[in-house]
PDB file of N, CA and C in Angstrom:
ATOM      1  N   UNK A   1     -56.646 -54.829  37.476  1.00  0.00           N
ATOM      2  CA  UNK A   1     -56.457 -54.640  38.881  1.00  0.00           C
ATOM      3  C   UNK A   1     -55.082 -55.304  39.338  1.00  0.00           C
ATOM      4  N   UNK A   2     -54.258 -54.712  39.962  1.00  0.00           N
ATOM      5  CA  UNK A   2     -53.038 -55.151  40.476  1.00  0.00           C
ATOM      6  C   UNK A   2     -53.255 -56.050  41.858  1.00  0.00           C
ATOM      7  N   UNK A   3     -52.586 -57.263  41.918  1.00  0.00           N
ATOM      8  CA  UNK A   3     -52.690 -57.909  43.221  1.00  0.00           C
ATOM      9  C   UNK A   3     -51.317 -58.120  43.699  1.00  0.00           C
ATOM     10  N   UNK A   4     -50.327 -57.397  43.116  1.00  0.00           N
ATOM     11  CA  UNK A   4     -48.837 -57.689  43.646  1.00  0.00           C
ATOM     12  C   UNK A   4     -48.339 -56.369  44.413  1.00  0.00           C
ATOM     13  N   UNK A   5     -49.180 -55.762  44.960  1.00  0.00           N
ATOM     14  CA  UNK A   5     -48.631 -54.508  45.690  1.00  0.00           C
ATOM     15  C   UNK A   5     -47.971 -54.797  46.958  1.00  0.00           C
ATOM     16  N   UNK A   6     -46.548 -54.815  46.806  1.00  0.00           N
ATOM     17  CA  UNK A   6     -45.725 -55.352  47.932  1.00  0.00           C
ATOM     18  C   UNK A   6     -45.374 -54.192  48.791  1.00  0.00           C
ATOM     19  N   UNK A   7     -44.774 -54.513  49.921  1.00  0.00           N
ATOM     20  CA  UNK A   7     -44.505 -53.590  50.964  1.00  0.00           C
ATOM     21  C   UNK A   7     -43.487 -52.440  50.565  1.00  0.00           C
ATOM     22  N   UNK A   8     -42.707 -52.671  49.696  1.00  0.00           N
ATOM     23  CA  UNK A   8     -41.825 -51.615  49.234  1.00  0.00           C
ATOM     24  C   UNK A   8     -42.426 -50.534  48.418  1.00  0.00           C
ATOM     25  N   UNK A   9     -43.457 -51.059  47.528  1.00  0.00           N
ATOM     26  CA  UNK A   9     -44.231 -50.095  46.776  1.00  0.00           C
ATOM     27  C   UNK A   9     -45.009 -49.125  47.679  1.00  0.00           C
ATOM     28  N   UNK A  10     -45.686 -49.793  48.871  1.00  0.00           N
ATOM     29  CA  UNK A  10     -46.368 -48.956  49.619  1.00  0.00           C
ATOM     30  C   UNK A  10     -45.356 -47.889  50.376  1.00  0.00           C
ATOM     31  N   UNK A  11     -44.310 -48.359  50.858  1.00  0.00           N
ATOM     32  CA  UNK A  11     -43.423 -47.555  51.652  1.00  0.00           C
ATOM     33  C   UNK A  11     -42.882 -46.378  50.615  1.00  0.00           C
ATOM     34  N   UNK A  12     -42.562 -46.765  49.366  1.00  0.00           N
ATOM     35  CA  UNK A  12     -42.031 -45.801  48.470  1.00  0.00           C
ATOM     36  C   UNK A  12     -43.074 -44.558  48.250  1.00  0.00           C
ATOM     37  N   UNK A  13     -44.394 -45.135  48.020  1.00  0.00           N
ATOM     38  CA  UNK A  13     -45.513 -44.132  47.843  1.00  0.00           C
ATOM     39  C   UNK A  13     -45.630 -43.338  49.018  1.00  0.00           C
ATOM     40  N   UNK A  14     -45.482 -43.702  50.154  1.00  0.00           N
ATOM     41  CA  UNK A  14     -45.487 -42.885  51.268  1.00  0.00           C
ATOM     42  C   UNK A  14     -44.314 -41.963  51.431  1.00  0.00           C
ATOM     43  N   UNK A  15     -43.138 -42.400  51.067  1.00  0.00           N
ATOM     44  CA  UNK A  15     -41.983 -41.364  51.133  1.00  0.00           C
ATOM     45  C   UNK A  15     -42.153 -40.242  49.995  1.00  0.00           C
ATOM     46  N   UNK A  16     -42.722 -40.672  48.754  1.00  0.00           N
ATOM     47  CA  UNK A  16     -43.098 -39.687  47.916  1.00  0.00           C
ATOM     48  C   UNK A  16     -44.024 -38.694  48.478  1.00  0.00           C
ATOM     49  N   UNK A  17     -45.156 -39.235  49.160  1.00  0.00           N
ATOM     50  CA  UNK A  17     -45.977 -38.253  49.729  1.00  0.00           C
ATOM     51  C   UNK A  17     -45.594 -37.238  50.689  1.00  0.00           C
ATOM     52  N   UNK A  18     -44.422 -37.711  51.348  1.00  0.00           N
ATOM     53  CA  UNK A  18     -43.991 -36.649  52.318  1.00  0.00           C
ATOM     54  C   UNK A  18     -42.638 -35.819  52.030  1.00  0.00           C
ATOM     55  N   UNK A  19     -42.099 -36.136  50.787  1.00  0.00           N
ATOM     56  CA  UNK A  19     -41.019 -35.642  50.353  1.00  0.00           C
ATOM     57  C   UNK A  19     -41.052 -34.777  49.064  1.00  0.00           C
ATOM     58  N   UNK A  20     -41.955 -35.255  48.045  1.00  0.00           N
ATOM     59  CA  UNK A  20     -42.072 -34.414  46.944  1.00  0.00           C
ATOM     60  C   UNK A  20     -42.643 -33.039  47.075  1.00  0.00           C
ATOM     61  N   UNK A  21     -42.318 -32.233  46.259  1.00  0.00           N
ATOM     62  CA  UNK A  21     -42.907 -30.745  46.239  1.00  0.00           C
ATOM     63  C   UNK A  21     -44.438 -30.740  46.220  1.00  0.00           C
ATOM     64  N   UNK A  22     -44.999 -29.869  46.963  1.00  0.00           N
ATOM     65  CA  UNK A  22     -46.494 -29.713  47.038  1.00  0.00           C
ATOM     66  C   UNK A  22     -47.266 -30.735  47.595  1.00  0.00           C
ATOM     67  N   UNK A  23     -46.580 -31.854  48.203  1.00  0.00           N
ATOM     68  CA  UNK A  23     -47.260 -33.048  48.591  1.00  0.00           C
ATOM     69  C   UNK A  23     -48.596 -33.396  47.758  1.00  0.00           C
ATOM     70  N   UNK A  24     -48.179 -34.179  46.704  1.00  0.00           N
ATOM     71  CA  UNK A  24     -49.120 -34.709  45.755  1.00  0.00           C
ATOM     72  C   UNK A  24     -50.207 -35.644  46.481  1.00  0.00           C
ATOM     73  N   UNK A  25     -51.245 -35.830  45.820  1.00  0.00           N
ATOM     74  CA  UNK A  25     -52.273 -36.779  46.361  1.00  0.00           C
ATOM     75  C   UNK A  25     -51.594 -38.220  46.473  1.00  0.00           C
ATOM     76  N   UNK A  26     -51.965 -38.931  47.427  1.00  0.00           N
ATOM     77  CA  UNK A  26     -51.365 -40.350  47.741  1.00  0.00           C
ATOM     78  C   UNK A  26     -51.513 -41.112  46.418  1.00  0.00           C
ATOM     79  N   UNK A  27     -52.686 -41.059  45.798  1.00  0.00           N
ATOM     80  CA  UNK A  27     -52.964 -41.969  44.542  1.00  0.00           C
ATOM     81  C   UNK A  27     -51.778 -41.553  43.448  1.00  0.00           C
ATOM     82  N   UNK A  28     -51.472 -40.232  43.347  1.00  0.00           N
ATOM     83  CA  UNK A  28     -50.395 -39.836  42.418  1.00  0.00           C
ATOM     84  C   UNK A  28     -48.937 -40.516  42.788  1.00  0.00           C
ATOM     85  N   UNK A  29     -48.889 -40.398  44.018  1.00  0.00           N
ATOM     86  CA  UNK A  29     -47.569 -41.161  44.707  1.00  0.00           C
ATOM     87  C   UNK A  29     -47.475 -42.633  44.288  1.00  0.00           C
ATOM     88  N   UNK A  30     -48.542 -43.303  44.389  1.00  0.00           N
ATOM     89  CA  UNK A  30     -48.702 -44.697  43.912  1.00  0.00           C
ATOM     90  C   UNK A  30     -48.449 -44.879  42.552  1.00  0.00           C
ATOM     91  N   UNK A  31     -49.003 -43.949  41.751  1.00  0.00           N
ATOM     92  CA  UNK A  31     -48.646 -44.091  40.317  1.00  0.00           C
ATOM     93  C   UNK A  31     -47.231 -43.866  39.878  1.00  0.00           C
ATOM     94  N   UNK A  32     -46.650 -42.881  40.604  1.00  0.00           N
ATOM     95  CA  UNK A  32     -45.097 -42.723  40.528  1.00  0.00           C
ATOM     96  C   UNK A  32     -44.338 -43.964  40.948  1.00  0.00           C
ATOM     97  N   UNK A  33     -44.688 -44.340  42.229  1.00  0.00           N
ATOM     98  CA  UNK A  33     -43.946 -45.578  42.676  1.00  0.00           C
ATOM     99  C   UNK A  33     -44.010 -46.704  41.713  1.00  0.00           C
ATOM    100  N   UNK A  34     -45.229 -47.024  41.239  1.00  0.00           N
ATOM    101  CA  UNK A  34     -45.425 -48.080  40.398  1.00  0.00           C
ATOM    102  C   UNK A  34     -44.690 -47.832  39.028  1.00  0.00           C
ATOM    103  N   UNK A  35     -44.650 -46.696  38.571  1.00  0.00           N
ATOM    104  CA  UNK A  35     -43.849 -46.496  37.200  1.00  0.00           C
ATOM    105  C   UNK A  35     -42.363 -46.670  37.559  1.00  0.00           C
ATOM    106  N   UNK A  36     -41.926 -46.240  38.606  1.00  0.00           N
ATOM    107  CA  UNK A  36     -40.549 -46.443  39.028  1.00  0.00           C
ATOM    108  C   UNK A  36     -40.221 -48.004  39.064  1.00  0.00           C
ATOM    109  N   UNK A  37     -41.089 -48.725  39.929  1.00  0.00           N
ATOM    110  CA  UNK A  37     -40.853 -50.153  40.123  1.00  0.00           C
ATOM    111  C   UNK A  37     -40.842 -50.791  38.921  1.00  0.00           C
ATOM    112  N   UNK A  38     -41.851 -50.445  37.976  1.00  0.00           N
ATOM    113  CA  UNK A  38     -41.741 -51.362  36.566  1.00  0.00           C
ATOM    114  C   UNK A  38     -41.112 -50.715  35.457  1.00  0.00           C
ATOM    115  N   UNK A  39     -40.349 -49.685  35.868  1.00  0.00           N
ATOM    116  CA  UNK A  39     -39.556 -48.977  34.861  1.00  0.00           C
ATOM    117  C   UNK A  39     -40.473 -48.516  33.624  1.00  0.00           C
ATOM    118  N   UNK A  40     -41.446 -47.975  34.026  1.00  0.00           N
ATOM    119  CA  UNK A  40     -42.603 -47.781  33.065  1.00  0.00           C
ATOM    120  C   UNK A  40     -42.699 -46.127  32.827  1.00  0.00           C
ATOM    121  N   UNK A  41     -43.265 -45.688  31.855  1.00  0.00           N
ATOM    122  CA  UNK A  41     -43.607 -44.246  31.584  1.00  0.00           C
ATOM    123  C   UNK A  41     -44.961 -44.087  32.275  1.00  0.00           C
ATOM    124  N   UNK A  42     -45.052 -42.993  32.943  1.00  0.00           N
ATOM    125  CA  UNK A  42     -46.351 -42.599  33.680  1.00  0.00           C
ATOM    126  C   UNK A  42     -46.811 -41.595  32.732  1.00  0.00           C
ATOM    127  N   UNK A  43     -48.117 -41.774  32.362  1.00  0.00           N
ATOM    128  CA  UNK A  43     -48.868 -40.939  31.457  1.00  0.00           C
ATOM    129  C   UNK A  43     -49.990 -40.256  32.048  1.00  0.00           C
ATOM    130  N   UNK A  44     -49.998 -38.935  31.967  1.00  0.00           N
ATOM    131  CA  UNK A  44     -50.945 -38.126  32.766  1.00  0.00           C
ATOM    132  C   UNK A  44     -51.369 -36.819  32.105  1.00  0.00           C
ATOM    133  N   UNK A  45     -52.517 -36.359  32.456  1.00  0.00           N
ATOM    134  CA  UNK A  45     -52.959 -35.031  31.895  1.00  0.00           C
ATOM    135  C   UNK A  45     -52.886 -33.987  33.098  1.00  0.00           C
ATOM    136  N   UNK A  46     -52.423 -34.379  34.238  1.00  0.00           N
ATOM    137  CA  UNK A  46     -52.435 -33.686  35.447  1.00  0.00           C
ATOM    138  C   UNK A  46     -51.214 -32.872  35.495  1.00  0.00           C
ATOM    139  N   UNK A  47     -51.149 -31.710  35.003  1.00  0.00           N
ATOM    140  CA  UNK A  47     -49.949 -30.918  35.197  1.00  0.00           C
ATOM    141  C   UNK A  47     -49.703 -30.312  36.523  1.00  0.00           C
ATOM    142  N   UNK A  48     -51.027 -29.930  37.175  1.00  0.00           N
ATOM    143  CA  UNK A  48     -50.720 -29.354  38.511  1.00  0.00           C
ATOM    144  C   UNK A  48     -50.067 -30.234  39.438  1.00  0.00           C
ATOM    145  N   UNK A  49     -50.121 -31.571  39.464  1.00  0.00           N
ATOM    146  CA  UNK A  49     -49.581 -32.296  40.359  1.00  0.00           C
ATOM    147  C   UNK A  49     -48.296 -32.957  39.711  1.00  0.00           C
ATOM    148  N   UNK A  50     -48.059 -33.043  38.544  1.00  0.00           N
ATOM    149  CA  UNK A  50     -46.830 -33.749  38.041  1.00  0.00           C
ATOM    150  C   UNK A  50     -45.918 -32.826  37.536  1.00  0.00           C
ATOM    151  N   UNK A  51     -46.120 -31.435  37.005  1.00  0.00           N
ATOM    152  CA  UNK A  51     -45.117 -30.764  36.534  1.00  0.00           C
ATOM    153  C   UNK A  51     -43.869 -30.611  37.510  1.00  0.00           C
ATOM    154  N   UNK A  52     -43.968 -30.212  38.534  1.00  0.00           N
ATOM    155  CA  UNK A  52     -42.793 -30.214  39.513  1.00  0.00           C
ATOM    156  C   UNK A  52     -42.032 -31.533  39.717  1.00  0.00           C
ATOM    157  N   UNK A  53     -42.820 -32.529  39.642  1.00  0.00           N
ATOM    158  CA  UNK A  53     -42.356 -34.042  39.850  1.00  0.00           C
ATOM    159  C   UNK A  53     -41.282 -34.480  38.675  1.00  0.00           C
ATOM    160  N   UNK A  54     -42.136 -33.985  37.392  1.00  0.00           N
ATOM    161  CA  UNK A  54     -41.404 -34.280  36.092  1.00  0.00           C
ATOM    162  C   UNK A  54     -40.008 -33.662  36.183  1.00  0.00           C
ATOM    163  N   UNK A  55     -39.892 -32.508  36.713  1.00  0.00           N
ATOM    164  CA  UNK A  55     -38.519 -31.935  36.579  1.00  0.00           C
ATOM    165  C   UNK A  55     -37.422 -32.668  37.542  1.00  0.00           C
ATOM    166  N   UNK A  56     -37.919 -33.395  38.457  1.00  0.00           N
ATOM    167  CA  UNK A  56     -36.984 -34.101  39.255  1.00  0.00           C
ATOM    168  C   UNK A  56     -36.580 -35.445  38.425  1.00  0.00           C
ATOM    169  N   UNK A  57     -37.058 -35.921  37.450  1.00  0.00           N
ATOM    170  CA  UNK A  57     -36.619 -36.911  36.588  1.00  0.00           C
ATOM    171  C   UNK A  57     -36.537 -38.303  37.390  1.00  0.00           C
ATOM    172  N   UNK A  58     -37.581 -38.446  38.256  1.00  0.00           N
ATOM    173  CA  UNK A  58     -37.590 -39.831  39.106  1.00  0.00           C
ATOM    174  C   UNK A  58     -38.198 -40.798  38.150  1.00  0.00           C
ATOM    175  N   UNK A  59     -38.946 -40.572  37.157  1.00  0.00           N
ATOM    176  CA  UNK A  59     -39.415 -41.418  36.210  1.00  0.00           C
ATOM    177  C   UNK A  59     -39.856 -40.635  34.961  1.00  0.00           C
ATOM    178  N   UNK A  60     -39.853 -41.438  33.991  1.00  0.00           N
ATOM    179  CA  UNK A  60     -40.314 -40.717  32.531  1.00  0.00           C
ATOM    180  C   UNK A  60     -41.716 -40.399  32.676  1.00  0.00           C
ATOM    181  N   UNK A  61     -42.187 -39.161  32.552  1.00  0.00           N
ATOM    182  CA  UNK A  61     -43.624 -38.711  32.573  1.00  0.00           C
ATOM    183  C   UNK A  61     -43.938 -38.192  31.256  1.00  0.00           C
ATOM    184  N   UNK A  62     -45.073 -38.530  30.644  1.00  0.00           N
ATOM    185  CA  UNK A  62     -45.472 -37.911  29.399  1.00  0.00           C
ATOM    186  C   UNK A  62     -46.983 -37.417  29.818  1.00  0.00           C
ATOM    187  N   UNK A  63     -46.937 -36.123  29.310  1.00  0.00           N
ATOM    188  CA  UNK A  63     -48.349 -35.416  29.447  1.00  0.00           C
ATOM    189  C   UNK A  63     -49.085 -35.512  28.295  1.00  0.00           C
ATOM    190  N   UNK A  64     -50.260 -35.863  28.285  1.00  0.00           N
ATOM    191  CA  UNK A  64     -51.180 -36.008  27.176  1.00  0.00           C
ATOM    192  C   UNK A  64     -52.084 -34.737  26.839  1.00  0.00           C
ATOM    193  N   UNK A  65     -52.057 -33.737  27.484  1.00  0.00           N
ATOM    194  CA  UNK A  65     -52.559 -32.431  27.209  1.00  0.00           C
ATOM    195  C   UNK A  65     -51.817 -31.353  27.794  1.00  0.00           C
TER     196      UNK A  65
END
Protein backbone atom coordinates (compact mmCIF):
# COMPACT_ATOMS: atom_id res chain seq x y z
CA UNK A 1 0.00 0.00 0.00
CA UNK A 2 1.32 3.44 -0.91
CA UNK A 3 1.12 6.27 1.57
CA UNK A 4 2.80 8.97 -0.53
CA UNK A 5 -0.02 9.90 -2.89
CA UNK A 6 0.72 13.58 -3.33
CA UNK A 7 -1.46 16.27 -4.86
CA UNK A 8 0.40 16.26 -8.16
CA UNK A 9 -0.29 12.54 -8.61
CA UNK A 10 -4.01 13.05 -7.98
CA UNK A 11 -4.10 15.99 -10.36
CA UNK A 12 -2.24 14.15 -13.10
CA UNK A 13 -4.56 11.16 -12.79
CA UNK A 14 -7.52 13.53 -13.18
CA UNK A 15 -5.96 15.13 -16.26
CA UNK A 16 -5.46 11.71 -17.81
CA UNK A 17 -9.08 10.83 -17.07
CA UNK A 18 -10.41 13.81 -19.01
CA UNK A 19 -7.84 14.00 -21.82
CA UNK A 20 -6.91 10.45 -22.81
CA UNK A 21 -8.72 8.64 -25.63
CA UNK A 22 -11.84 6.73 -24.60
CA UNK A 23 -11.74 8.16 -21.03
CA UNK A 24 -10.09 5.19 -19.26
CA UNK A 25 -11.20 4.21 -15.74
CA UNK A 26 -9.78 6.42 -12.99
CA UNK A 27 -7.87 3.46 -11.51
CA UNK A 28 -6.03 3.04 -14.82
CA UNK A 29 -5.28 6.77 -14.83
CA UNK A 30 -3.73 6.45 -11.38
CA UNK A 31 -1.61 3.52 -12.57
CA UNK A 32 -0.39 5.59 -15.49
CA UNK A 33 0.29 8.67 -13.37
CA UNK A 34 2.24 6.59 -10.86
CA UNK A 35 4.27 4.91 -13.60
CA UNK A 36 5.17 8.32 -15.01
CA UNK A 37 5.98 9.75 -11.56
CA UNK A 38 8.23 6.80 -10.69
CA UNK A 39 9.66 6.42 -14.21
CA UNK A 40 8.46 2.82 -14.06
CA UNK A 41 7.05 0.32 -16.53
CA UNK A 42 3.30 -0.20 -16.35
CA UNK A 43 2.49 -3.90 -16.72
CA UNK A 44 -1.06 -4.82 -17.72
CA UNK A 45 -3.15 -7.34 -19.54
CA UNK A 46 -5.86 -4.78 -20.24
CA UNK A 47 -5.60 -4.11 -23.96
CA UNK A 48 -9.03 -2.51 -24.14
CA UNK A 49 -8.00 0.38 -21.89
CA UNK A 50 -4.29 0.66 -22.65
CA UNK A 51 -3.79 -0.03 -26.38
CA UNK A 52 -4.57 3.57 -27.36
CA UNK A 53 -2.62 4.96 -24.39
CA UNK A 54 0.45 2.89 -25.28
CA UNK A 55 0.52 4.52 -28.72
CA UNK A 56 0.90 7.92 -27.04
CA UNK A 57 4.21 6.84 -25.40
CA UNK A 58 3.40 8.61 -22.13
CA UNK A 59 5.03 5.76 -20.21
CA UNK A 60 6.51 2.39 -21.05
CA UNK A 61 3.63 -0.11 -21.10
CA UNK A 62 4.14 -3.86 -21.30
CA UNK A 63 1.26 -6.18 -22.07
CA UNK A 64 1.37 -9.62 -20.47
CA UNK A 65 -1.17 -11.26 -22.73
